[in-house]
Amino acid sequence: MSKANQNEEIVYEEFDEIPFGGNEPDELIMFKCRACGYEEYVPDFVAYESYIPEEFAENGSPIVLCPHCEGDMIIKSDEV
């Protein structure tokens, strides 16, 4: 932005709306804790988006931290 434009007020209503994936609900995946057995649905984007290969169980399931015992939760259908 040039110095001449620094004092211009931005009118956000003039911009088009930014689509953030539409109105589709998130897919939920059932996870189960290996340690305490607690089960909880986790949105698929949480389960798959920010993991590195070392953070997957030996069977390929992403690992999520259990909110009850801090154990490893894996996809229920992928139980080992």
N, C-alpha and C. Protein backbone atom coordinates (compact mmCIF):
# COMPACT_ATOMS: atom_id res chain seq x y z
N MET A 1 0.84 -1.17 0.00
CA MET A 1 0.00 0.00 0.00
C MET A 1 0.89 1.23 0.00
N SER A 2 0.61 2.16 -0.88
CA SER A 2 1.41 3.37 -0.96
C SER A 2 1.02 4.32 0.16
N LYS A 3 1.88 5.30 0.44
CA LYS A 3 1.60 6.26 1.50
C LYS A 3 0.34 7.06 1.20
N ALA A 4 0.04 7.29 -0.05
CA ALA A 4 -1.15 8.05 -0.42
C ALA A 4 -2.42 7.30 -0.04
N ASN A 5 -2.37 5.97 -0.02
CA ASN A 5 -3.56 5.17 0.28
C ASN A 5 -3.68 4.76 1.74
N GLN A 6 -2.72 5.09 2.59
CA GLN A 6 -2.73 4.65 3.97
C GLN A 6 -3.89 5.20 4.77
N ASN A 7 -4.38 6.37 4.44
CA ASN A 7 -5.45 6.99 5.20
C ASN A 7 -6.84 6.70 4.65
N GLU A 8 -6.93 5.90 3.59
CA GLU A 8 -8.23 5.57 3.04
C GLU A 8 -8.95 4.59 3.95
N GLU A 9 -10.24 4.81 4.14
CA GLU A 9 -11.04 3.91 4.95
C GLU A 9 -11.50 2.73 4.10
N ILE A 10 -11.41 1.56 4.65
CA ILE A 10 -11.83 0.36 3.92
C ILE A 10 -13.30 0.11 4.23
N VAL A 11 -14.10 -0.05 3.19
CA VAL A 11 -15.52 -0.35 3.34
C VAL A 11 -15.70 -1.83 3.01
N TYR A 12 -15.79 -2.64 4.06
CA TYR A 12 -15.82 -4.09 3.88
C TYR A 12 -17.07 -4.58 3.18
N GLU A 13 -18.16 -3.85 3.28
CA GLU A 13 -19.40 -4.26 2.63
C GLU A 13 -19.26 -4.29 1.11
N GLU A 14 -18.26 -3.62 0.57
CA GLU A 14 -18.04 -3.57 -0.88
C GLU A 14 -17.39 -4.85 -1.41
N PHE A 15 -16.82 -5.66 -0.54
CA PHE A 15 -16.14 -6.88 -0.95
C PHE A 15 -17.12 -8.03 -1.04
N ASP A 16 -16.84 -8.98 -1.93
CA ASP A 16 -17.66 -10.18 -2.05
C ASP A 16 -17.44 -11.06 -0.82
N GLU A 17 -18.45 -11.86 -0.49
CA GLU A 17 -18.35 -12.78 0.62
C GLU A 17 -17.36 -13.89 0.27
N ILE A 18 -16.55 -14.29 1.24
CA ILE A 18 -15.56 -15.34 1.03
C ILE A 18 -16.18 -16.68 1.40
N PRO A 19 -16.23 -17.63 0.48
CA PRO A 19 -16.81 -18.93 0.81
C PRO A 19 -15.85 -19.75 1.66
N PHE A 20 -16.33 -20.31 2.74
CA PHE A 20 -15.52 -21.15 3.62
C PHE A 20 -16.05 -22.57 3.64
N GLY A 21 -16.17 -23.19 2.47
CA GLY A 21 -16.58 -24.58 2.41
C GLY A 21 -18.08 -24.80 2.35
N GLY A 22 -18.84 -23.76 2.19
CA GLY A 22 -20.28 -23.93 2.04
C GLY A 22 -20.98 -24.21 3.34
N ASN A 23 -22.18 -24.71 3.23
CA ASN A 23 -23.01 -24.98 4.40
C ASN A 23 -23.07 -26.45 4.74
N GLU A 24 -22.15 -27.22 4.19
CA GLU A 24 -22.14 -28.66 4.44
C GLU A 24 -21.63 -28.93 5.86
N PRO A 25 -22.33 -29.80 6.60
CA PRO A 25 -21.85 -30.10 7.95
C PRO A 25 -20.55 -30.91 7.90
N ASP A 26 -19.75 -30.79 8.93
CA ASP A 26 -18.51 -31.56 9.02
C ASP A 26 -18.84 -33.04 9.18
N GLU A 27 -18.01 -33.89 8.57
CA GLU A 27 -18.16 -35.32 8.79
C GLU A 27 -17.55 -35.64 10.15
N LEU A 28 -18.27 -36.41 10.95
CA LEU A 28 -17.79 -36.78 12.28
C LEU A 28 -17.30 -38.22 12.26
N ILE A 29 -16.20 -38.47 12.95
CA ILE A 29 -15.60 -39.80 13.02
C ILE A 29 -15.55 -40.21 14.49
N MET A 30 -16.02 -41.41 14.80
CA MET A 30 -16.00 -41.90 16.17
C MET A 30 -14.59 -42.36 16.54
N PHE A 31 -14.05 -41.79 17.61
CA PHE A 31 -12.76 -42.18 18.15
C PHE A 31 -12.96 -42.85 19.50
N LYS A 32 -12.05 -43.78 19.84
CA LYS A 32 -12.10 -44.47 21.13
C LYS A 32 -10.72 -44.45 21.75
N CYS A 33 -10.67 -44.17 23.06
CA CYS A 33 -9.40 -44.13 23.77
C CYS A 33 -8.92 -45.55 24.03
N ARG A 34 -7.65 -45.79 23.74
CA ARG A 34 -7.05 -47.10 23.98
C ARG A 34 -6.90 -47.39 25.47
N ALA A 35 -6.73 -46.33 26.28
CA ALA A 35 -6.46 -46.51 27.70
C ALA A 35 -7.73 -46.66 28.54
N CYS A 36 -8.67 -45.71 28.39
CA CYS A 36 -9.84 -45.72 29.28
C CYS A 36 -11.14 -46.10 28.59
N GLY A 37 -11.13 -46.22 27.25
CA GLY A 37 -12.32 -46.62 26.53
C GLY A 37 -13.30 -45.50 26.20
N TYR A 38 -12.97 -44.27 26.59
CA TYR A 38 -13.86 -43.13 26.29
C TYR A 38 -14.05 -43.00 24.78
N GLU A 39 -15.28 -42.72 24.35
CA GLU A 39 -15.59 -42.55 22.94
C GLU A 39 -16.14 -41.16 22.68
N GLU A 40 -15.76 -40.59 21.55
CA GLU A 40 -16.24 -39.26 21.19
C GLU A 40 -16.14 -39.07 19.69
N TYR A 41 -17.12 -38.34 19.12
CA TYR A 41 -17.06 -37.98 17.71
C TYR A 41 -16.11 -36.81 17.55
N VAL A 42 -15.27 -36.88 16.52
CA VAL A 42 -14.30 -35.83 16.21
C VAL A 42 -14.52 -35.42 14.76
N PRO A 43 -14.57 -34.10 14.47
CA PRO A 43 -14.71 -33.67 13.07
C PRO A 43 -13.54 -34.18 12.23
N ASP A 44 -13.83 -34.58 11.00
CA ASP A 44 -12.79 -35.15 10.15
C ASP A 44 -11.62 -34.20 9.92
N PHE A 45 -11.89 -32.89 9.85
CA PHE A 45 -10.79 -31.96 9.61
C PHE A 45 -9.83 -31.92 10.80
N VAL A 46 -10.32 -32.16 12.00
CA VAL A 46 -9.45 -32.22 13.18
C VAL A 46 -8.62 -33.49 13.13
N ALA A 47 -9.24 -34.57 12.72
CA ALA A 47 -8.56 -35.86 12.71
C ALA A 47 -7.46 -35.96 11.67
N TYR A 48 -7.59 -35.28 10.54
CA TYR A 48 -6.65 -35.52 9.44
C TYR A 48 -5.78 -34.34 9.01
N GLU A 49 -6.08 -33.12 9.40
CA GLU A 49 -5.40 -31.99 8.79
C GLU A 49 -4.02 -31.66 9.31
N SER A 50 -3.75 -31.83 10.57
CA SER A 50 -2.50 -31.30 11.09
C SER A 50 -1.59 -32.36 11.71
N TYR A 51 -1.54 -33.50 11.10
CA TYR A 51 -0.72 -34.57 11.65
C TYR A 51 0.42 -34.93 10.71
N ILE A 52 1.51 -35.38 11.32
CA ILE A 52 2.65 -35.89 10.58
C ILE A 52 2.63 -37.42 10.72
N PRO A 53 3.33 -38.14 9.87
CA PRO A 53 3.27 -39.61 9.93
C PRO A 53 3.56 -40.21 11.30
N GLU A 54 4.39 -39.58 12.10
CA GLU A 54 4.71 -40.10 13.43
C GLU A 54 3.52 -40.01 14.37
N GLU A 55 2.49 -39.23 14.02
CA GLU A 55 1.33 -39.06 14.87
C GLU A 55 0.17 -39.96 14.46
N PHE A 56 0.46 -41.02 13.70
CA PHE A 56 -0.55 -41.99 13.32
C PHE A 56 -0.24 -43.31 14.02
N ALA A 57 -1.27 -44.04 14.39
CA ALA A 57 -1.09 -45.36 14.99
C ALA A 57 -0.50 -46.31 13.96
N GLU A 58 -0.02 -47.44 14.42
CA GLU A 58 0.60 -48.41 13.52
C GLU A 58 -0.37 -48.93 12.46
N ASN A 59 -1.68 -48.78 12.70
CA ASN A 59 -2.67 -49.23 11.72
C ASN A 59 -3.10 -48.11 10.77
N GLY A 60 -2.49 -46.92 10.88
CA GLY A 60 -2.81 -45.83 9.97
C GLY A 60 -3.82 -44.83 10.49
N SER A 61 -4.38 -45.07 11.67
CA SER A 61 -5.37 -44.15 12.24
C SER A 61 -4.67 -42.93 12.83
N PRO A 62 -5.22 -41.73 12.60
CA PRO A 62 -4.67 -40.57 13.30
C PRO A 62 -4.90 -40.75 14.80
N ILE A 63 -4.02 -40.18 15.60
CA ILE A 63 -4.13 -40.28 17.05
C ILE A 63 -4.59 -38.93 17.59
N VAL A 64 -5.65 -38.96 18.41
CA VAL A 64 -6.19 -37.76 19.03
C VAL A 64 -6.05 -37.92 20.54
N LEU A 65 -5.74 -36.85 21.25
CA LEU A 65 -5.56 -36.90 22.69
C LEU A 65 -6.90 -37.05 23.39
N CYS A 66 -7.01 -38.00 24.31
CA CYS A 66 -8.23 -38.23 25.07
C CYS A 66 -8.43 -37.10 26.08
N PRO A 67 -9.62 -36.48 26.09
CA PRO A 67 -9.85 -35.39 27.04
C PRO A 67 -10.04 -35.87 28.48
N HIS A 68 -10.22 -37.19 28.69
CA HIS A 68 -10.43 -37.71 30.04
C HIS A 68 -9.15 -38.19 30.71
N CYS A 69 -8.30 -38.91 29.97
CA CYS A 69 -7.11 -39.49 30.61
C CYS A 69 -5.81 -39.11 29.89
N GLU A 70 -5.92 -38.34 28.81
CA GLU A 70 -4.78 -37.93 27.99
C GLU A 70 -4.09 -39.11 27.30
N GLY A 71 -4.82 -40.20 27.15
CA GLY A 71 -4.32 -41.35 26.40
C GLY A 71 -4.51 -41.13 24.90
N ASP A 72 -4.17 -42.14 24.13
CA ASP A 72 -4.32 -42.07 22.67
C ASP A 72 -5.71 -42.53 22.26
N MET A 73 -6.39 -41.69 21.48
CA MET A 73 -7.68 -42.09 20.89
C MET A 73 -7.43 -42.37 19.40
N ILE A 74 -7.99 -43.49 18.92
CA ILE A 74 -7.88 -43.82 17.50
C ILE A 74 -9.29 -44.03 16.96
N ILE A 75 -9.41 -44.08 15.64
CA ILE A 75 -10.70 -44.30 15.02
C ILE A 75 -11.25 -45.63 15.51
N LYS A 76 -12.49 -45.62 15.98
CA LYS A 76 -13.08 -46.80 16.61
C LYS A 76 -13.06 -48.02 15.69
N SER A 77 -13.36 -47.85 14.42
CA SER A 77 -13.37 -48.99 13.51
C SER A 77 -11.96 -49.52 13.25
N ASP A 78 -10.93 -48.75 13.63
CA ASP A 78 -9.54 -49.15 13.41
C ASP A 78 -8.89 -49.67 14.70
N GLU A 79 -9.68 -50.05 15.68
CA GLU A 79 -9.12 -50.48 16.95
C GLU A 79 -8.10 -51.60 16.76
N VAL A 80 -7.08 -51.55 17.58
CA VAL A 80 -6.02 -52.55 17.51
C VAL A 80 -6.17 -53.51 18.66
